[in-house]
Amino acid sequence: MITSSAFVPVPWMDRRGHFAPLKALVFAGVCMPALWLLASTFNDHLGSRPLTVALHESGLWSIRFLVLSLAITPLSQAMGSMRLSAVRRILGVSVFAYAALHFVLYLIDQQGDVGKIFNEITARPYLTLGFIALCGLALMAATSTDRIIAWLGTETWQNVQSLVYAIALLATLHFFMQAKIDVTEPIWMGGLFGLLGLIRFARKMFGDLSALALALLSLLAALLTAFGEAFWYHLSIGAPLGQILLANGDFSFSVRPAWYVLAGGLVLALIRLYRAPLPKRTRRS
């Protein structure tokens, strides 16, 4: 999620112009997938359809970084420290950058045929959803500078930034619909978005969340993920609901998305538990 921190020309510097190791590490991390794609393209490591692979990977990293950017706030709250907020802008800009690359590669794949591209986007729902999500990310990126924030006002800017969960929903649906058969990672990403949304809603309603509350929300999100996966396969290929649900207990083939969602939430709960203050001892008379 793109934030209002002051613009710094060099991403690995803080607001005072000092080297910031955490920002440098995150900046290097968000650049790695693009560098890998570039190197793999020149070394012919993307297979017989390199453009298709690059198109898929760029979209995949955009949604992964979107999950990470949304996780900054609950992670900071669990830690009781806002140090991670310094990297939120880097993650937010990387989400848009990879989404824009994803779209540019799509334009190249369609040979820049504007008429065909327009017809495809308007005729295919998953492309329509993806394009709307891209426009939302572009709006958030365009309104992320201090000058624009001052011009809009804090309240208006916050309203724009609140679009991020709607964008996450659209991006997840786009991911689901283009995946067609194997929706393991879309389910996983959707489950994580659901977990983060539940935490945001619960915190808005009840304030600071305890480790137990985070653990219960994690369990709820994992159950919703498992049932969501079961219903998807049931509706798309007619697989029995019970069989898909039971697959969550079979680790011989793979670990199902619900477990990753549960693990992510429990990590937050453990962090919250670790930083919780110890109860004060009372002296015995």
Protein backbone atom coordinates (compact mmCIF):
# COMPACT_ATOMS: atom_id res chain seq x y z
CA MET A 1 0.00 0.00 0.00
CA ILE A 2 1.46 3.36 -1.06
CA THR A 3 2.02 5.76 1.79
CA SER A 4 2.47 9.44 2.45
CA SER A 5 6.06 9.38 3.61
CA ALA A 6 8.23 12.11 2.12
CA PHE A 7 9.64 11.45 -1.32
CA VAL A 8 13.24 10.28 -1.23
CA PRO A 9 15.02 10.17 -4.62
CA VAL A 10 17.17 7.23 -3.53
CA PRO A 11 15.05 4.32 -2.21
CA TRP A 12 17.69 3.07 0.20
CA MET A 13 17.98 6.37 2.06
CA ASP A 14 15.82 7.58 4.93
CA ARG A 15 14.14 10.99 5.17
CA ARG A 16 17.34 12.54 6.52
CA GLY A 17 19.44 11.22 3.65
CA HIS A 18 21.11 8.48 5.70
CA PHE A 19 21.61 4.93 4.47
CA ALA A 20 18.71 2.72 5.66
CA PRO A 21 19.68 -0.99 5.66
CA LEU A 22 16.08 -2.24 5.89
CA LYS A 23 14.94 -0.10 2.95
CA ALA A 24 17.99 -1.16 0.94
CA LEU A 25 17.26 -4.83 1.64
CA VAL A 26 13.59 -4.52 0.64
CA PHE A 27 14.46 -2.50 -2.47
CA ALA A 28 16.94 -5.18 -3.53
CA GLY A 29 14.30 -7.82 -2.85
CA VAL A 30 11.61 -6.22 -5.02
CA CYS A 31 14.13 -5.81 -7.86
CA MET A 32 15.20 -9.46 -7.83
CA PRO A 33 12.23 -10.92 -9.78
CA ALA A 34 12.68 -8.34 -12.56
CA LEU A 35 16.42 -9.01 -12.73
CA TRP A 36 15.74 -12.76 -12.79
CA LEU A 37 13.29 -12.32 -15.68
CA LEU A 38 15.77 -10.16 -17.57
CA ALA A 39 18.65 -12.59 -17.06
CA SER A 40 16.48 -15.61 -17.90
CA THR A 41 15.30 -13.94 -21.10
CA PHE A 42 18.85 -13.31 -22.33
CA ASN A 43 19.96 -16.81 -21.28
CA ASP A 44 16.96 -18.55 -22.89
CA HIS A 45 15.83 -20.03 -19.56
CA LEU A 46 12.13 -19.20 -19.99
CA GLY A 47 11.34 -22.12 -22.27
CA SER A 48 9.73 -22.13 -25.69
CA ARG A 49 7.27 -19.33 -24.79
CA PRO A 50 9.36 -16.76 -22.90
CA LEU A 51 6.85 -13.94 -23.33
CA THR A 52 4.06 -16.03 -21.79
CA VAL A 53 6.26 -16.99 -18.84
CA ALA A 54 7.36 -13.37 -18.28
CA LEU A 55 3.73 -12.22 -18.54
CA HIS A 56 2.66 -14.75 -15.91
CA GLU A 57 5.59 -14.10 -13.56
CA SER A 58 5.21 -10.31 -13.60
CA GLY A 59 1.55 -10.58 -12.66
CA LEU A 60 2.35 -13.15 -10.01
CA TRP A 61 4.94 -10.93 -8.33
CA SER A 62 2.61 -7.95 -8.44
CA ILE A 63 0.00 -9.78 -6.39
CA ARG A 64 2.63 -11.25 -4.05
CA PHE A 65 4.01 -7.81 -3.29
CA LEU A 66 0.45 -6.57 -2.79
CA VAL A 67 0.00 -9.18 -0.05
CA LEU A 68 3.29 -8.11 1.55
CA SER A 69 2.37 -4.41 1.42
CA LEU A 70 -0.96 -5.09 3.12
CA ALA A 71 0.77 -7.24 5.74
CA ILE A 72 2.98 -4.33 6.88
CA THR A 73 0.31 -2.74 9.10
CA PRO A 74 -0.82 -5.89 11.01
CA LEU A 75 2.79 -7.00 11.34
CA SER A 76 3.79 -3.60 12.72
CA GLN A 77 0.86 -3.70 15.14
CA ALA A 78 1.79 -7.20 16.29
CA MET A 79 5.40 -6.09 16.84
CA GLY A 80 4.37 -2.90 18.60
CA SER A 81 6.73 -0.97 16.34
CA MET A 82 6.20 1.12 13.19
CA ARG A 83 9.74 0.60 11.83
CA LEU A 84 8.42 -1.53 8.97
CA SER A 85 6.24 1.34 7.76
CA ALA A 86 9.35 2.83 6.16
CA VAL A 87 9.30 0.12 3.47
CA ARG A 88 5.58 0.28 2.66
CA ARG A 89 6.06 2.79 -0.14
CA ILE A 90 8.75 0.64 -1.77
CA LEU A 91 6.42 -2.36 -1.72
CA GLY A 92 3.47 -0.29 -2.93
CA VAL A 93 5.37 1.14 -5.89
CA SER A 94 6.68 -2.33 -6.76
CA VAL A 95 3.09 -3.62 -6.91
CA PHE A 96 2.24 -1.03 -9.56
CA ALA A 97 5.58 -1.48 -11.37
CA TYR A 98 5.08 -5.22 -11.82
CA ALA A 99 1.42 -4.77 -12.74
CA ALA A 100 2.44 -2.19 -15.36
CA LEU A 101 5.11 -4.57 -16.69
CA HIS A 102 2.46 -7.29 -16.80
CA PHE A 103 0.23 -5.05 -18.93
CA VAL A 104 3.07 -3.93 -21.22
CA LEU A 105 3.99 -7.57 -21.87
CA TYR A 106 0.33 -8.25 -22.66
CA LEU A 107 0.40 -5.39 -25.20
CA ILE A 108 3.53 -6.89 -26.77
CA ASP A 109 1.89 -10.33 -26.83
CA GLN A 110 -1.03 -8.79 -28.72
CA GLN A 111 1.43 -7.05 -31.07
CA GLY A 112 0.11 -3.64 -30.05
CA ASP A 113 -3.17 -4.16 -31.88
CA VAL A 114 -5.26 -1.51 -30.08
CA GLY A 115 -8.58 -2.66 -31.54
CA LYS A 116 -7.96 -6.28 -30.58
CA ILE A 117 -6.74 -5.29 -27.11
CA PHE A 118 -9.83 -3.15 -26.51
CA ASN A 119 -12.13 -5.97 -27.66
CA GLU A 120 -10.30 -8.51 -25.48
CA ILE A 121 -10.46 -6.35 -22.36
CA THR A 122 -14.16 -5.57 -22.81
CA ALA A 123 -15.17 -9.10 -23.83
CA ARG A 124 -13.23 -11.23 -21.34
CA PRO A 125 -14.25 -10.68 -17.70
CA TYR A 126 -10.88 -11.66 -16.22
CA LEU A 127 -9.13 -9.10 -18.43
CA THR A 128 -11.73 -6.47 -17.52
CA LEU A 129 -11.14 -7.08 -13.80
CA GLY A 130 -7.38 -7.01 -14.26
CA PHE A 131 -7.50 -3.74 -16.19
CA ILE A 132 -9.70 -2.09 -13.55
CA ALA A 133 -7.25 -3.25 -10.86
CA LEU A 134 -4.37 -1.78 -12.88
CA CYS A 135 -6.18 1.56 -13.18
CA GLY A 136 -6.73 1.54 -9.40
CA LEU A 137 -3.04 0.89 -8.77
CA ALA A 138 -2.13 3.67 -11.20
CA LEU A 139 -4.38 6.06 -9.28
CA MET A 140 -2.78 5.08 -5.97
CA ALA A 141 0.71 5.48 -7.42
CA ALA A 142 -0.13 8.87 -8.93
CA THR A 143 -1.42 10.15 -5.58
CA SER A 144 1.49 8.89 -3.48
CA THR A 145 3.74 11.96 -3.59
CA ASP A 146 3.73 14.56 -0.82
CA ARG A 147 2.76 17.33 -3.24
CA ILE A 148 -0.34 15.46 -4.45
CA ILE A 149 -1.27 14.46 -0.90
CA ALA A 150 -1.09 18.08 0.24
CA TRP A 151 -3.23 19.12 -2.73
CA LEU A 152 -5.84 16.40 -2.14
CA GLY A 153 -5.94 16.70 1.64
CA THR A 154 -5.36 13.83 4.06
CA GLU A 155 -8.98 12.64 4.14
CA THR A 156 -9.32 12.45 0.35
CA TRP A 157 -5.94 10.76 0.04
CA GLN A 158 -6.90 8.17 2.65
CA ASN A 159 -10.10 7.47 0.73
CA VAL A 160 -8.05 6.83 -2.39
CA GLN A 161 -5.68 4.53 -0.50
CA SER A 162 -8.62 2.61 0.98
CA LEU A 163 -9.28 1.30 -2.53
CA VAL A 164 -6.44 -1.17 -1.99
CA TYR A 165 -8.71 -3.94 -0.66
CA ALA A 166 -11.09 -3.58 -3.61
CA ILE A 167 -8.06 -3.74 -5.89
CA ALA A 168 -6.83 -6.84 -4.05
CA LEU A 169 -10.23 -8.49 -4.60
CA LEU A 170 -10.21 -7.65 -8.33
CA ALA A 171 -6.62 -8.86 -8.69
CA THR A 172 -7.44 -12.13 -6.93
CA LEU A 173 -10.47 -12.74 -9.15
CA HIS A 174 -8.34 -11.97 -12.21
CA PHE A 175 -5.76 -14.47 -10.94
CA PHE A 176 -8.45 -17.10 -10.28
CA MET A 177 -10.13 -16.78 -13.65
CA GLN A 178 -6.97 -16.93 -15.73
CA ALA A 179 -5.57 -19.86 -13.74
CA LYS A 180 -8.52 -22.03 -14.90
CA ILE A 181 -7.55 -25.50 -13.59
CA ASP A 182 -4.82 -25.23 -10.94
CA VAL A 183 -5.92 -22.46 -8.59
CA THR A 184 -3.62 -23.38 -5.70
CA GLU A 185 -1.74 -20.08 -5.58
CA PRO A 186 -4.80 -17.90 -6.30
CA ILE A 187 -6.55 -19.66 -3.39
CA TRP A 188 -3.50 -19.07 -1.23
CA MET A 189 -3.28 -15.37 -2.13
CA GLY A 190 -7.05 -14.98 -1.71
CA GLY A 191 -6.87 -16.61 1.72
CA LEU A 192 -4.09 -14.26 2.82
CA PHE A 193 -6.06 -11.25 1.58
CA GLY A 194 -9.03 -12.58 3.53
CA LEU A 195 -6.94 -12.97 6.69
CA LEU A 196 -5.57 -9.44 6.40
CA GLY A 197 -9.06 -8.10 5.77
CA LEU A 198 -10.43 -9.89 8.84
CA ILE A 199 -7.62 -8.51 11.00
CA ARG A 200 -8.23 -4.99 9.69
CA PHE A 201 -11.97 -5.25 10.35
CA ALA A 202 -11.50 -6.74 13.84
CA ARG A 203 -8.98 -4.09 14.80
CA LYS A 204 -11.33 -1.37 13.59
CA MET A 205 -14.13 -2.83 15.72
CA PHE A 206 -12.24 -3.85 18.86
CA GLY A 207 -8.90 -2.01 18.84
CA ASP A 208 -5.61 -3.74 19.60
CA LEU A 209 -5.88 -7.51 19.07
CA SER A 210 -4.45 -10.07 21.46
CA ALA A 211 -2.43 -13.09 20.37
CA LEU A 212 -5.48 -15.29 21.01
CA ALA A 213 -7.68 -13.08 18.84
CA LEU A 214 -5.13 -13.23 16.01
CA ALA A 215 -4.94 -17.01 16.33
CA LEU A 216 -8.74 -17.34 16.16
CA LEU A 217 -8.90 -15.04 13.12
CA SER A 218 -6.18 -17.16 11.50
CA LEU A 219 -8.22 -20.31 12.09
CA LEU A 220 -11.32 -18.65 10.64
CA ALA A 221 -9.41 -17.46 7.57
CA ALA A 222 -7.92 -20.94 7.07
CA LEU A 223 -11.36 -22.57 7.27
CA LEU A 224 -12.78 -20.06 4.79
CA THR A 225 -9.83 -20.76 2.50
CA ALA A 226 -10.39 -24.52 2.68
CA PHE A 227 -14.11 -24.19 1.97
CA GLY A 228 -13.45 -21.64 -0.77
CA GLU A 229 -11.07 -24.04 -2.48
CA ALA A 230 -13.54 -26.91 -2.15
CA PHE A 231 -16.41 -24.90 -3.62
CA TRP A 232 -14.24 -23.66 -6.49
CA TYR A 233 -13.26 -27.17 -7.57
CA HIS A 234 -16.80 -28.41 -6.98
CA LEU A 235 -18.30 -25.72 -9.21
CA SER A 236 -15.58 -25.77 -11.87
CA ILE A 237 -14.90 -29.50 -12.35
CA GLY A 238 -17.60 -31.16 -10.25
CA ALA A 239 -15.23 -32.56 -7.60
CA PRO A 240 -16.99 -33.78 -4.42
CA LEU A 241 -16.82 -31.19 -1.64
CA GLY A 242 -15.91 -33.74 1.02
CA GLN A 243 -13.07 -35.16 -1.04
CA ILE A 244 -11.50 -31.73 -1.57
CA LEU A 245 -11.87 -30.85 2.12
CA LEU A 246 -10.27 -34.14 3.18
CA ALA A 247 -7.32 -33.39 0.90
CA ASN A 248 -6.30 -30.73 3.42
CA GLY A 249 -5.28 -33.53 5.77
CA ASP A 250 -3.19 -35.37 3.17
CA PHE A 251 0.37 -34.03 3.07
CA SER A 252 1.79 -36.79 0.85
CA PHE A 253 1.11 -34.84 -2.35
CA SER A 254 1.16 -31.18 -1.34
CA VAL A 255 0.37 -28.73 1.44
CA ARG A 256 -2.98 -27.09 0.75
CA PRO A 257 -3.39 -23.28 0.77
CA ALA A 258 -5.42 -23.24 4.00
CA TRP A 259 -2.36 -24.38 5.96
CA TYR A 260 -0.23 -21.54 4.58
CA VAL A 261 -2.92 -19.05 5.54
CA LEU A 262 -3.12 -20.53 9.04
CA ALA A 263 0.68 -20.47 9.37
CA GLY A 264 0.85 -16.83 8.30
CA GLY A 265 -1.74 -15.82 10.87
CA LEU A 266 -0.13 -17.84 13.65
CA VAL A 267 3.19 -16.13 12.98
CA LEU A 268 1.46 -12.81 13.66
CA ALA A 269 -0.10 -14.26 16.81
CA LEU A 270 3.28 -15.50 18.08
CA ILE A 271 4.88 -12.13 17.40
CA ARG A 272 2.05 -10.44 19.29
CA LEU A 273 2.44 -12.91 22.16
CA TYR A 274 6.19 -12.35 22.33
CA ARG A 275 5.89 -8.58 22.57
CA ALA A 276 2.99 -8.66 25.07
CA PRO A 277 4.03 -7.08 28.39
CA LEU A 278 4.37 -9.42 31.32
CA PRO A 279 1.76 -8.98 34.06
CA LYS A 280 2.99 -6.96 37.01
CA ARG A 281 3.80 -8.99 40.09
CA THR A 282 2.19 -7.98 43.34
CA ARG A 283 4.25 -8.14 46.50
CA ARG A 284 3.07 -10.47 49.20
CA SER A 285 2.59 -8.87 52.58
